Structure formats: C-alpha cells, structure tokens
C-alpha cells in the first residue's frame, strides 16, 4: 500500500499555527506520519529510540528544562535535536523561542512553528488531524451517507438505485458524504473514515436527470465532509432462491483494510422504500452497539433461544 503524506502548509492552516521560521514554502514540506514526539529524553542526551520523522513539540517541560541549563550545554542539546532534521518543531503556549533554536533551525533547514494552545490540546488536535491526512486508504464504488449519526456505506452493482436512495435520504433530513467514489481511510486500528475525493465532493449523478450539486440544491446542511463507517449495506436485486436474514440475530461482518465492519444485504424490488429501510437499519445498528438486540428480546418473550430449530 502506498505511503500518503500531507503538506505542512495544510497542517499550519488547519491548526492556526504561527510560522516563526521556514526554510522554504511550507507546501513543499511533507509530513508522512501521524505520530508526534516531545523530545525530552533527547534533550537529556538519550537518543536510542528517537524518531526523526515525527513532528517535535516543545511544551513547558522542554522549555523549562532548557532554561535551567548553562548556555553551552543548552546549545549542545538543541543542536542534537535539529541535527536529526525532524520535519518541524512546534512550540506551544506561545513560549520563548531561544536564539539557539532559530540558529540551528536555519542551519539544518527545519521549520519552527508556534501555537497559543496548551501542549496536550495541540498534540490531540495534531494527531487527530494527521491520522486522517496520512492514513492508508482505498476507494470503493458506492454511496456514503450519514443517517441518524451513523455512517452508512451503500454498495451494489451499477443501476441498483444507490444514488436515488441517497437523494431520498437527503430529502428526509440526512446527509450525503460521497457518491460514486468513496475514499475510505483507516485512521486507527478500530476506525475507518469515509470521505469524497475533493474533485467530486457534494456532487451526485441521477440517471435521467444528470449531475446535481447537493449542497446547492438542498443546502449546506445536506452534506458532510467525512464520517466514521458504522455499517455497510449491500443492495442487490431480489433473488427469490436466496435466503435473506429474517431476524438479524447474528451480525455479519465485512473486512475493510483489516477492520471488521457490520454489514447487511438488502434485496431491492419494486415497492420497497429503501430510504425507510436504511433508516431502520441505521437505528437498529446503533441499538446493537448499545447492547440491545430486538430479535433476542422477542425470542425471550416467546420462551425460545437462538438454537431452537427454525430460528434463523
């Protein structure tokens, strides 16, 4: 899988960072990892596991420690940090930028940025931002919508009615995230986030009508930039020889980049209101995540269990 990156310029704009020094245009500096580092151990002389590919962050602890050192020792420690040539150094809380920092930043061509936020808040926002921007990703043909706060990825062969269902859902107050091409990013070991490629974002194709801009036609409240994938729904023409789930006792799963996501198959035939069915599927999926399963409650009321013959 290819390695993805984000420009430092985009990070600076999204987090509203002050540029103290940069050796070149920030758009030409790439960040390849979502991990960040506070180089406290490096400043004390221990560099065994130091990773120079990470953005480095100075907070109260780092700046306070450097202020206690004699000038020659401080220069030595700051030099060791910049000699590793990390992609950038961010100083939080609008703390002082030492002359040595600017000197060695210029020598080794390392950008120096500053933020008014406290260190923990900045690190949280930075990691969250980078986790999305540099995450491994794939593109799937389908439609991605948000229904009652649940991210529903709708898959199915061309012409089965994915886009038409999405428009009906938008009219019912839900939000479109992507149509036709859905970019899926693995942002953690438990989460896949879906978004639309920037060049087709907010557009949807309806056969017989053409291309429409959902944000323009239905308002900005009808679209969303990204959402976690909570449920995968496969639409397929009704096959009378196939046994579809009747109770929903067991939750089927599908693999997306190594993460198991709940999935269901919904048969399509004339007269079925897919928008309403997907609303019900979204609510039911949320209830299951909260520990409630309607099928199990019904079986309990009937005095049956999951292993009773005929229960599926």
C-alpha atoms as a PDB file:
ATOM      1  CA  UNK A   1       0.000   0.000   0.000  1.00  0.00           C
ATOM      2  CA  UNK A   2       1.450   3.425  -0.930  1.00  0.00           C
ATOM      3  CA  UNK A   3       2.555   5.860   1.738  1.00  0.00           C
ATOM      4  CA  UNK A   4       0.488   9.034   1.973  1.00  0.00           C
ATOM      5  CA  UNK A   5       1.529  12.454   3.182  1.00  0.00           C
ATOM      6  CA  UNK A   6       0.184  15.916   3.924  1.00  0.00           C
ATOM      7  CA  UNK A   7       1.851  19.262   3.315  1.00  0.00           C
ATOM      8  CA  UNK A   8       2.986  21.219   6.358  1.00  0.00           C
ATOM      9  CA  UNK A   9       1.162  24.225   4.898  1.00  0.00           C
ATOM     10  CA  UNK A  10      -2.170  22.405   5.274  1.00  0.00           C
ATOM     11  CA  UNK A  11      -1.376  21.470   8.874  1.00  0.00           C
ATOM     12  CA  UNK A  12      -0.461  25.070   9.721  1.00  0.00           C
ATOM     13  CA  UNK A  13      -3.718  26.384   8.253  1.00  0.00           C
ATOM     14  CA  UNK A  14      -5.914  23.780   9.919  1.00  0.00           C
ATOM     15  CA  UNK A  15      -4.358  24.282  13.368  1.00  0.00           C
ATOM     16  CA  UNK A  16      -3.810  28.057  13.029  1.00  0.00           C
ATOM     17  CA  UNK A  17      -0.093  27.869  13.801  1.00  0.00           C
ATOM     18  CA  UNK A  18       2.303  30.819  13.740  1.00  0.00           C
ATOM     19  CA  UNK A  19       5.249  30.420  11.375  1.00  0.00           C
ATOM     20  CA  UNK A  20       8.357  31.551  13.260  1.00  0.00           C
ATOM     21  CA  UNK A  21      10.829  30.275  10.673  1.00  0.00           C
ATOM     22  CA  UNK A  22      10.664  28.241   7.486  1.00  0.00           C
ATOM     23  CA  UNK A  23      13.480  27.462   5.057  1.00  0.00           C
ATOM     24  CA  UNK A  24      11.080  27.110   2.100  1.00  0.00           C
ATOM     25  CA  UNK A  25       7.407  27.282   1.216  1.00  0.00           C
ATOM     26  CA  UNK A  26       5.505  25.091   3.638  1.00  0.00           C
ATOM     27  CA  UNK A  27       3.555  23.467   0.812  1.00  0.00           C
ATOM     28  CA  UNK A  28       6.833  21.846  -0.299  1.00  0.00           C
ATOM     29  CA  UNK A  29       7.399  20.177   3.100  1.00  0.00           C
ATOM     30  CA  UNK A  30       5.647  16.826   3.552  1.00  0.00           C
ATOM     31  CA  UNK A  31       4.634  15.011   6.734  1.00  0.00           C
ATOM     32  CA  UNK A  32       4.459  11.207   6.451  1.00  0.00           C
ATOM     33  CA  UNK A  33       3.489  10.044   9.943  1.00  0.00           C
ATOM     34  CA  UNK A  34       0.642  10.816  12.329  1.00  0.00           C
ATOM     35  CA  UNK A  35       2.867  10.254  15.352  1.00  0.00           C
ATOM     36  CA  UNK A  36       4.384  13.225  17.167  1.00  0.00           C
ATOM     37  CA  UNK A  37       7.086  13.463  19.811  1.00  0.00           C
ATOM     38  CA  UNK A  38       8.096  15.517  22.837  1.00  0.00           C
ATOM     39  CA  UNK A  39      11.910  15.217  22.750  1.00  0.00           C
ATOM     40  CA  UNK A  40      12.528  15.422  26.480  1.00  0.00           C
ATOM     41  CA  UNK A  41      14.784  12.364  26.584  1.00  0.00           C
ATOM     42  CA  UNK A  42      16.778  13.564  23.592  1.00  0.00           C
ATOM     43  CA  UNK A  43      17.427  16.874  25.362  1.00  0.00           C
ATOM     44  CA  UNK A  44      18.955  14.947  28.258  1.00  0.00           C
ATOM     45  CA  UNK A  45      21.281  13.072  25.906  1.00  0.00           C
ATOM     46  CA  UNK A  46      19.385   9.782  25.406  1.00  0.00           C
ATOM     47  CA  UNK A  47      18.697   9.275  21.696  1.00  0.00           C
ATOM     48  CA  UNK A  48      18.368   5.475  21.437  1.00  0.00           C
ATOM     49  CA  UNK A  49      14.758   5.400  20.191  1.00  0.00           C
ATOM     50  CA  UNK A  50      14.416   8.899  18.791  1.00  0.00           C
ATOM     51  CA  UNK A  51      12.339   9.009  15.578  1.00  0.00           C
ATOM     52  CA  UNK A  52      13.362  11.982  13.378  1.00  0.00           C
ATOM     53  CA  UNK A  53      10.368  11.545  11.035  1.00  0.00           C
ATOM     54  CA  UNK A  54       7.944  12.871  13.665  1.00  0.00           C
ATOM     55  CA  UNK A  55       6.966  16.490  14.299  1.00  0.00           C
ATOM     56  CA  UNK A  56       8.678  17.575  17.524  1.00  0.00           C
ATOM     57  CA  UNK A  57       6.836  19.551  20.210  1.00  0.00           C
ATOM     58  CA  UNK A  58       8.235  21.811  22.912  1.00  0.00           C
ATOM     59  CA  UNK A  59       5.987  22.499  25.889  1.00  0.00           C
ATOM     60  CA  UNK A  60       6.558  23.910  29.377  1.00  0.00           C
ATOM     61  CA  UNK A  61       8.695  20.926  30.386  1.00  0.00           C
ATOM     62  CA  UNK A  62      11.102  21.144  27.461  1.00  0.00           C
ATOM     63  CA  UNK A  63      11.451  24.926  27.513  1.00  0.00           C
ATOM     64  CA  UNK A  64      11.708  24.994  31.308  1.00  0.00           C
ATOM     65  CA  UNK A  65      14.419  22.344  31.278  1.00  0.00           C
ATOM     66  CA  UNK A  66      16.462  24.192  28.638  1.00  0.00           C
ATOM     67  CA  UNK A  67      16.229  27.401  30.662  1.00  0.00           C
ATOM     68  CA  UNK A  68      17.957  25.684  33.599  1.00  0.00           C
ATOM     69  CA  UNK A  69      20.984  24.679  31.526  1.00  0.00           C
ATOM     70  CA  UNK A  70      24.199  26.641  31.011  1.00  0.00           C
ATOM     71  CA  UNK A  71      24.350  28.213  27.557  1.00  0.00           C
ATOM     72  CA  UNK A  72      26.929  25.803  26.100  1.00  0.00           C
ATOM     73  CA  UNK A  73      25.009  22.747  27.317  1.00  0.00           C
ATOM     74  CA  UNK A  74      21.729  24.156  26.023  1.00  0.00           C
ATOM     75  CA  UNK A  75      23.311  24.757  22.623  1.00  0.00           C
ATOM     76  CA  UNK A  76      24.574  21.174  22.535  1.00  0.00           C
ATOM     77  CA  UNK A  77      21.156  19.675  23.270  1.00  0.00           C
ATOM     78  CA  UNK A  78      19.300  21.933  20.845  1.00  0.00           C
ATOM     79  CA  UNK A  79      21.911  21.144  18.204  1.00  0.00           C
ATOM     80  CA  UNK A  80      21.362  17.397  18.660  1.00  0.00           C
ATOM     81  CA  UNK A  81      17.641  17.861  18.028  1.00  0.00           C
ATOM     82  CA  UNK A  82      17.981  19.899  14.841  1.00  0.00           C
ATOM     83  CA  UNK A  83      20.876  17.806  13.524  1.00  0.00           C
ATOM     84  CA  UNK A  84      18.378  14.913  13.286  1.00  0.00           C
ATOM     85  CA  UNK A  85      16.390  17.139  10.875  1.00  0.00           C
ATOM     86  CA  UNK A  86      12.813  16.476  12.014  1.00  0.00           C
ATOM     87  CA  UNK A  87      10.075  17.761   9.663  1.00  0.00           C
ATOM     88  CA  UNK A  88       9.161  20.604  12.051  1.00  0.00           C
ATOM     89  CA  UNK A  89       9.304  21.888  15.619  1.00  0.00           C
ATOM     90  CA  UNK A  90       6.170  23.306  17.262  1.00  0.00           C
ATOM     91  CA  UNK A  91       6.447  25.397  20.425  1.00  0.00           C
ATOM     92  CA  UNK A  92       3.225  25.596  22.446  1.00  0.00           C
ATOM     93  CA  UNK A  93       1.733  28.194  24.821  1.00  0.00           C
ATOM     94  CA  UNK A  94       3.478  31.000  22.884  1.00  0.00           C
ATOM     95  CA  UNK A  95       6.634  30.154  24.827  1.00  0.00           C
ATOM     96  CA  UNK A  96      10.006  31.780  24.200  1.00  0.00           C
ATOM     97  CA  UNK A  97      11.932  30.787  21.082  1.00  0.00           C
ATOM     98  CA  UNK A  98      15.601  30.632  22.055  1.00  0.00           C
ATOM     99  CA  UNK A  99      18.229  32.148  19.788  1.00  0.00           C
ATOM    100  CA  UNK A 100      19.823  28.701  19.545  1.00  0.00           C
ATOM    101  CA  UNK A 101      16.569  27.291  18.155  1.00  0.00           C
ATOM    102  CA  UNK A 102      16.461  29.811  15.313  1.00  0.00           C
ATOM    103  CA  UNK A 103      20.203  29.425  14.664  1.00  0.00           C
ATOM    104  CA  UNK A 104      20.134  25.643  14.281  1.00  0.00           C
ATOM    105  CA  UNK A 105      16.753  25.660  12.552  1.00  0.00           C
ATOM    106  CA  UNK A 106      18.288  27.861   9.881  1.00  0.00           C
ATOM    107  CA  UNK A 107      21.412  25.712   9.675  1.00  0.00           C
ATOM    108  CA  UNK A 108      19.539  22.411   9.265  1.00  0.00           C
ATOM    109  CA  UNK A 109      16.520  23.805   7.365  1.00  0.00           C
ATOM    110  CA  UNK A 110      13.886  22.801   9.954  1.00  0.00           C
ATOM    111  CA  UNK A 111      10.649  24.858  10.183  1.00  0.00           C
ATOM    112  CA  UNK A 112       9.792  26.330  13.584  1.00  0.00           C
ATOM    113  CA  UNK A 113       6.115  26.918  14.386  1.00  0.00           C
ATOM    114  CA  UNK A 114       4.308  28.217  17.444  1.00  0.00           C
ATOM    115  CA  UNK A 115       0.866  27.827  18.957  1.00  0.00           C
ATOM    116  CA  UNK A 116      -1.036  29.603  21.732  1.00  0.00           C
ATOM    117  CA  UNK A 117      -2.689  26.318  22.788  1.00  0.00           C
ATOM    118  CA  UNK A 118      -1.514  24.211  25.684  1.00  0.00           C
ATOM    119  CA  UNK A 119       0.599  21.211  24.805  1.00  0.00           C
ATOM    120  CA  UNK A 120      -1.959  18.451  25.426  1.00  0.00           C
ATOM    121  CA  UNK A 121      -4.674  20.164  23.390  1.00  0.00           C
ATOM    122  CA  UNK A 122      -2.335  20.833  20.496  1.00  0.00           C
ATOM    123  CA  UNK A 123      -0.996  17.280  20.447  1.00  0.00           C
ATOM    124  CA  UNK A 124      -4.521  15.858  20.480  1.00  0.00           C
ATOM    125  CA  UNK A 125      -5.639  18.069  17.600  1.00  0.00           C
ATOM    126  CA  UNK A 126      -2.433  17.453  15.652  1.00  0.00           C
ATOM    127  CA  UNK A 127      -2.579  13.659  15.967  1.00  0.00           C
ATOM    128  CA  UNK A 128      -6.271  13.640  15.067  1.00  0.00           C
ATOM    129  CA  UNK A 129      -5.606  15.774  12.010  1.00  0.00           C
ATOM    130  CA  UNK A 130      -2.582  13.795  10.828  1.00  0.00           C
ATOM    131  CA  UNK A 131      -4.304  10.445  11.440  1.00  0.00           C
ATOM    132  CA  UNK A 132      -6.821  11.332   8.750  1.00  0.00           C
ATOM    133  CA  UNK A 133      -4.438  13.041   6.340  1.00  0.00           C
ATOM    134  CA  UNK A 134      -1.742  10.338   6.193  1.00  0.00           C
ATOM    135  CA  UNK A 135      -3.982   7.300   6.783  1.00  0.00           C
ATOM    136  CA  UNK A 136      -3.842   4.279   4.438  1.00  0.00           C
ATOM    137  CA  UNK A 137      -6.782   4.473   2.049  1.00  0.00           C
ATOM    138  CA  UNK A 138      -8.710   2.719  -0.675  1.00  0.00           C
ATOM    139  CA  UNK A 139     -11.519   3.865  -2.965  1.00  0.00           C
ATOM    140  CA  UNK A 140     -14.746   1.888  -3.296  1.00  0.00           C
ATOM    141  CA  UNK A 141     -17.572   2.364  -5.782  1.00  0.00           C
ATOM    142  CA  UNK A 142     -20.651   3.243  -3.766  1.00  0.00           C
ATOM    143  CA  UNK A 143     -22.524   5.913  -1.849  1.00  0.00           C
ATOM    144  CA  UNK A 144     -21.777   7.109   1.691  1.00  0.00           C
ATOM    145  CA  UNK A 145     -24.427   8.831   3.802  1.00  0.00           C
ATOM    146  CA  UNK A 146     -24.989   9.783   7.424  1.00  0.00           C
ATOM    147  CA  UNK A 147     -28.279   8.555   8.864  1.00  0.00           C
ATOM    148  CA  UNK A 148     -29.123   9.495  12.460  1.00  0.00           C
ATOM    149  CA  UNK A 149     -25.403   9.927  13.160  1.00  0.00           C
ATOM    150  CA  UNK A 150     -24.466   6.531  11.690  1.00  0.00           C
ATOM    151  CA  UNK A 151     -22.132   6.368   8.689  1.00  0.00           C
ATOM    152  CA  UNK A 152     -23.775   4.017   6.165  1.00  0.00           C
ATOM    153  CA  UNK A 153     -21.734   2.815   3.183  1.00  0.00           C
ATOM    154  CA  UNK A 154     -24.108   1.700   0.404  1.00  0.00           C
ATOM    155  CA  UNK A 155     -22.656  -0.734  -2.111  1.00  0.00           C
ATOM    156  CA  UNK A 156     -24.172  -2.542  -5.072  1.00  0.00           C
ATOM    157  CA  UNK A 157     -23.907  -3.003  -8.795  1.00  0.00           C
ATOM    158  CA  UNK A 158     -24.403  -0.058 -11.122  1.00  0.00           C
ATOM    159  CA  UNK A 159     -28.062   0.874 -11.606  1.00  0.00           C
ATOM    160  CA  UNK A 160     -29.370  -0.831  -8.454  1.00  0.00           C
ATOM    161  CA  UNK A 161     -30.550   2.506  -7.012  1.00  0.00           C
ATOM    162  CA  UNK A 162     -27.793   3.713  -4.678  1.00  0.00           C
ATOM    163  CA  UNK A 163     -27.835   7.377  -5.743  1.00  0.00           C
ATOM    164  CA  UNK A 164     -31.636   7.557  -5.904  1.00  0.00           C
ATOM    165  CA  UNK A 165     -31.811   6.175  -2.361  1.00  0.00           C
ATOM    166  CA  UNK A 166     -29.239   8.735  -1.219  1.00  0.00           C
ATOM    167  CA  UNK A 167     -31.314  11.610  -2.647  1.00  0.00           C
ATOM    168  CA  UNK A 168     -34.409  10.335  -0.866  1.00  0.00           C
ATOM    169  CA  UNK A 169     -32.436  10.168   2.383  1.00  0.00           C
ATOM    170  CA  UNK A 170     -31.186  13.735   1.893  1.00  0.00           C
ATOM    171  CA  UNK A 171     -34.776  14.882   1.379  1.00  0.00           C
ATOM    172  CA  UNK A 172     -35.662  13.158   4.676  1.00  0.00           C
ATOM    173  CA  UNK A 173     -33.061  15.247   6.532  1.00  0.00           C
ATOM    174  CA  UNK A 174     -29.967  13.034   6.374  1.00  0.00           C
ATOM    175  CA  UNK A 175     -26.620  13.969   4.872  1.00  0.00           C
ATOM    176  CA  UNK A 176     -24.625  12.939   1.816  1.00  0.00           C
ATOM    177  CA  UNK A 177     -20.888  12.420   2.190  1.00  0.00           C
ATOM    178  CA  UNK A 178     -19.887  10.789  -1.105  1.00  0.00           C
ATOM    179  CA  UNK A 179     -21.450   9.488  -4.289  1.00  0.00           C
ATOM    180  CA  UNK A 180     -19.949   7.116  -6.862  1.00  0.00           C
ATOM    181  CA  UNK A 181     -16.432   7.062  -5.364  1.00  0.00           C
ATOM    182  CA  UNK A 182     -15.968   6.737  -1.605  1.00  0.00           C
ATOM    183  CA  UNK A 183     -12.468   7.240  -0.203  1.00  0.00           C
ATOM    184  CA  UNK A 184     -12.022   5.020   2.861  1.00  0.00           C
ATOM    185  CA  UNK A 185      -9.205   5.784   5.311  1.00  0.00           C
ATOM    186  CA  UNK A 186      -8.026   3.586   8.160  1.00  0.00           C
ATOM    187  CA  UNK A 187      -7.366   6.221  10.818  1.00  0.00           C
ATOM    188  CA  UNK A 188      -6.817   3.765  13.693  1.00  0.00           C
ATOM    189  CA  UNK A 189      -6.884   0.052  14.463  1.00  0.00           C
ATOM    190  CA  UNK A 190     -10.638   0.292  15.073  1.00  0.00           C
ATOM    191  CA  UNK A 191     -11.904   3.046  12.810  1.00  0.00           C
ATOM    192  CA  UNK A 192     -12.439   3.528   9.082  1.00  0.00           C
ATOM    193  CA  UNK A 193     -13.462   7.015   7.954  1.00  0.00           C
ATOM    194  CA  UNK A 194     -15.170   7.701   4.638  1.00  0.00           C
ATOM    195  CA  UNK A 195     -14.995  10.877   2.579  1.00  0.00           C
ATOM    196  CA  UNK A 196     -15.344  12.004  -1.034  1.00  0.00           C
ATOM    197  CA  UNK A 197     -12.488  12.817  -3.403  1.00  0.00           C
ATOM    198  CA  UNK A 198     -12.219  16.590  -3.413  1.00  0.00           C
ATOM    199  CA  UNK A 199     -12.960  16.990  -7.122  1.00  0.00           C
ATOM    200  CA  UNK A 200     -16.393  15.290  -6.925  1.00  0.00           C
ATOM    201  CA  UNK A 201     -17.374  16.286  -3.389  1.00  0.00           C
ATOM    202  CA  UNK A 202     -21.094  17.127  -2.927  1.00  0.00           C
ATOM    203  CA  UNK A 203     -21.992  16.067  -6.492  1.00  0.00           C
ATOM    204  CA  UNK A 204     -24.362  13.211  -7.242  1.00  0.00           C
ATOM    205  CA  UNK A 205     -25.404  11.571 -10.513  1.00  0.00           C
ATOM    206  CA  UNK A 206     -29.036  10.663 -11.160  1.00  0.00           C
ATOM    207  CA  UNK A 207     -29.804   8.721 -14.298  1.00  0.00           C
ATOM    208  CA  UNK A 208     -32.240  10.653 -16.470  1.00  0.00           C
ATOM    209  CA  UNK A 209     -31.575  13.900 -14.575  1.00  0.00           C
ATOM    210  CA  UNK A 210     -27.809  14.318 -14.696  1.00  0.00           C
ATOM    211  CA  UNK A 211     -25.326  15.782 -12.234  1.00  0.00           C
ATOM    212  CA  UNK A 212     -26.582  17.888  -9.336  1.00  0.00           C
ATOM    213  CA  UNK A 213     -24.768  19.704  -6.549  1.00  0.00           C
ATOM    214  CA  UNK A 214     -26.464  18.532  -3.366  1.00  0.00           C
ATOM    215  CA  UNK A 215     -25.069  21.395  -1.284  1.00  0.00           C
ATOM    216  CA  UNK A 216     -26.513  23.954  -3.726  1.00  0.00           C
ATOM    217  CA  UNK A 217     -29.880  22.255  -4.235  1.00  0.00           C
ATOM    218  CA  UNK A 218     -30.627  21.132  -0.668  1.00  0.00           C
ATOM    219  CA  UNK A 219     -28.394  23.483   1.354  1.00  0.00           C
ATOM    220  CA  UNK A 220     -25.120  23.063   3.214  1.00  0.00           C
ATOM    221  CA  UNK A 221     -26.873  21.103   5.955  1.00  0.00           C
ATOM    222  CA  UNK A 222     -27.488  18.267   3.498  1.00  0.00           C
ATOM    223  CA  UNK A 223     -23.796  17.369   3.121  1.00  0.00           C
ATOM    224  CA  UNK A 224     -20.931  16.405   5.360  1.00  0.00           C
ATOM    225  CA  UNK A 225     -17.190  16.189   4.766  1.00  0.00           C
ATOM    226  CA  UNK A 226     -16.473  12.844   6.422  1.00  0.00           C
ATOM    227  CA  UNK A 227     -17.862  10.259   8.819  1.00  0.00           C
ATOM    228  CA  UNK A 228     -16.892   7.005  10.501  1.00  0.00           C
ATOM    229  CA  UNK A 229     -18.104   3.887   8.661  1.00  0.00           C
ATOM    230  CA  UNK A 230     -20.552   2.188  11.056  1.00  0.00           C
ATOM    231  CA  UNK A 231     -22.454  -0.104   8.695  1.00  0.00           C
ATOM    232  CA  UNK A 232     -22.022  -1.475   5.171  1.00  0.00           C
ATOM    233  CA  UNK A 233     -25.235  -2.102   3.221  1.00  0.00           C
ATOM    234  CA  UNK A 234     -25.135  -4.164   0.023  1.00  0.00           C
ATOM    235  CA  UNK A 235     -28.095  -3.536  -2.292  1.00  0.00           C
ATOM    236  CA  UNK A 236     -28.860  -6.344  -4.726  1.00  0.00           C
ATOM    237  CA  UNK A 237     -31.802  -7.305  -6.961  1.00  0.00           C
ATOM    238  CA  UNK A 238     -34.166  -9.646  -5.112  1.00  0.00           C
ATOM    239  CA  UNK A 239     -33.211 -13.283  -5.665  1.00  0.00           C
ATOM    240  CA  UNK A 240     -36.149 -15.484  -4.661  1.00  0.00           C
ATOM    241  CA  UNK A 241     -33.876 -18.518  -4.411  1.00  0.00           C
ATOM    242  CA  UNK A 242     -31.722 -16.819  -1.777  1.00  0.00           C
ATOM    243  CA  UNK A 243     -32.409 -16.872   1.955  1.00  0.00           C
ATOM    244  CA  UNK A 244     -32.129 -13.364   3.396  1.00  0.00           C
ATOM    245  CA  UNK A 245     -31.798 -12.674   7.122  1.00  0.00           C
ATOM    246  CA  UNK A 246     -35.212 -12.609   8.781  1.00  0.00           C
ATOM    247  CA  UNK A 247     -34.334 -11.993  12.422  1.00  0.00           C
ATOM    248  CA  UNK A 248     -30.939 -10.277  12.488  1.00  0.00           C
ATOM    249  CA  UNK A 249     -29.798 -12.392  15.432  1.00  0.00           C
ATOM    250  CA  UNK A 250     -26.250 -12.594  14.146  1.00  0.00           C
ATOM    251  CA  UNK A 251     -24.343  -9.626  12.802  1.00  0.00           C
ATOM    252  CA  UNK A 252     -22.427 -10.316   9.612  1.00  0.00           C
ATOM    253  CA  UNK A 253     -19.091  -8.532   9.229  1.00  0.00           C
ATOM    254  CA  UNK A 254     -17.057  -7.371   6.260  1.00  0.00           C
ATOM    255  CA  UNK A 255     -13.352  -6.594   6.179  1.00  0.00           C
ATOM    256  CA  UNK A 256     -12.201  -3.110   5.195  1.00  0.00           C
ATOM    257  CA  UNK A 257      -8.422  -2.708   5.374  1.00  0.00           C
ATOM    258  CA  UNK A 258      -8.188  -5.237   8.201  1.00  0.00           C
ATOM    259  CA  UNK A 259     -11.054  -3.787  10.270  1.00  0.00           C
ATOM    260  CA  UNK A 260     -14.310  -5.693  10.737  1.00  0.00           C
ATOM    261  CA  UNK A 261     -17.385  -3.558   9.942  1.00  0.00           C
ATOM    262  CA  UNK A 262     -21.011  -4.741  10.437  1.00  0.00           C
ATOM    263  CA  UNK A 263     -22.723  -5.409   7.115  1.00  0.00           C
ATOM    264  CA  UNK A 264     -26.099  -6.478   5.771  1.00  0.00           C
ATOM    265  CA  UNK A 265     -27.603  -7.370   2.400  1.00  0.00           C
ATOM    266  CA  UNK A 266     -30.871  -5.659   1.448  1.00  0.00           C
ATOM    267  CA  UNK A 267     -32.797  -7.051  -1.533  1.00  0.00           C
ATOM    268  CA  UNK A 268     -34.220  -4.498  -3.959  1.00  0.00           C
ATOM    269  CA  UNK A 269     -37.578  -4.920  -5.663  1.00  0.00           C
ATOM    270  CA  UNK A 270     -40.401  -2.613  -6.809  1.00  0.00           C
ATOM    271  CA  UNK A 271     -42.438  -1.231  -3.949  1.00  0.00           C
ATOM    272  CA  UNK A 272     -39.714  -1.385  -1.284  1.00  0.00           C
ATOM    273  CA  UNK A 273     -38.934   2.009   0.248  1.00  0.00           C
ATOM    274  CA  UNK A 274     -35.164   1.740   0.542  1.00  0.00           C
ATOM    275  CA  UNK A 275     -34.772   5.071   2.342  1.00  0.00           C
ATOM    276  CA  UNK A 276     -37.056   3.969   5.173  1.00  0.00           C
ATOM    277  CA  UNK A 277     -35.388   0.553   5.322  1.00  0.00           C
ATOM    278  CA  UNK A 278     -31.948   2.163   5.603  1.00  0.00           C
ATOM    279  CA  UNK A 279     -33.208   4.459   8.368  1.00  0.00           C
ATOM    280  CA  UNK A 280     -34.388   1.394  10.267  1.00  0.00           C
ATOM    281  CA  UNK A 281     -31.076  -0.379   9.608  1.00  0.00           C
ATOM    282  CA  UNK A 282     -29.125   2.613  10.955  1.00  0.00           C
ATOM    283  CA  UNK A 283     -31.200   2.809  14.143  1.00  0.00           C
ATOM    284  CA  UNK A 284     -31.018  -0.962  14.646  1.00  0.00           C
ATOM    285  CA  UNK A 285     -27.233  -0.908  14.204  1.00  0.00           C
ATOM    286  CA  UNK A 286     -26.937   1.819  16.820  1.00  0.00           C
ATOM    287  CA  UNK A 287     -29.099  -0.152  19.266  1.00  0.00           C
ATOM    288  CA  UNK A 288     -26.915  -3.236  18.768  1.00  0.00           C
ATOM    289  CA  UNK A 289     -23.830  -1.167  19.579  1.00  0.00           C
ATOM    290  CA  UNK A 290     -25.596  -0.072  22.762  1.00  0.00           C
ATOM    291  CA  UNK A 291     -26.210  -3.719  23.704  1.00  0.00           C
ATOM    292  CA  UNK A 292     -29.853  -4.135  22.650  1.00  0.00           C
ATOM    293  CA  UNK A 293     -30.965  -6.765  20.126  1.00  0.00           C
ATOM    294  CA  UNK A 294     -34.686  -6.768  19.304  1.00  0.00           C
ATOM    295  CA  UNK A 295     -34.591 -10.336  17.932  1.00  0.00           C
ATOM    296  CA  UNK A 296     -33.171 -11.694  21.193  1.00  0.00           C
ATOM    297  CA  UNK A 297     -35.811  -9.849  23.202  1.00  0.00           C
ATOM    298  CA  UNK A 298     -38.566 -11.314  21.025  1.00  0.00           C
ATOM    299  CA  UNK A 299     -37.167 -14.831  21.440  1.00  0.00           C
ATOM    300  CA  UNK A 300     -37.021 -14.338  25.198  1.00  0.00           C
ATOM    301  CA  UNK A 301     -40.671 -13.254  25.248  1.00  0.00           C
ATOM    302  CA  UNK A 302     -41.597 -16.370  23.252  1.00  0.00           C
ATOM    303  CA  UNK A 303     -39.591 -18.607  25.577  1.00  0.00           C
ATOM    304  CA  UNK A 304     -37.221 -19.636  22.789  1.00  0.00           C
ATOM    305  CA  UNK A 305     -33.477 -19.399  22.347  1.00  0.00           C
ATOM    306  CA  UNK A 306     -31.175 -18.916  19.368  1.00  0.00           C
ATOM    307  CA  UNK A 307     -30.602 -22.652  18.947  1.00  0.00           C
ATOM    308  CA  UNK A 308     -34.282 -23.513  18.587  1.00  0.00           C
ATOM    309  CA  UNK A 309     -34.929 -25.252  15.237  1.00  0.00           C
ATOM    310  CA  UNK A 310     -36.451 -22.848  12.714  1.00  0.00           C
ATOM    311  CA  UNK A 311     -34.946 -19.753  14.326  1.00  0.00           C
ATOM    312  CA  UNK A 312     -32.533 -18.022  11.955  1.00  0.00           C
END
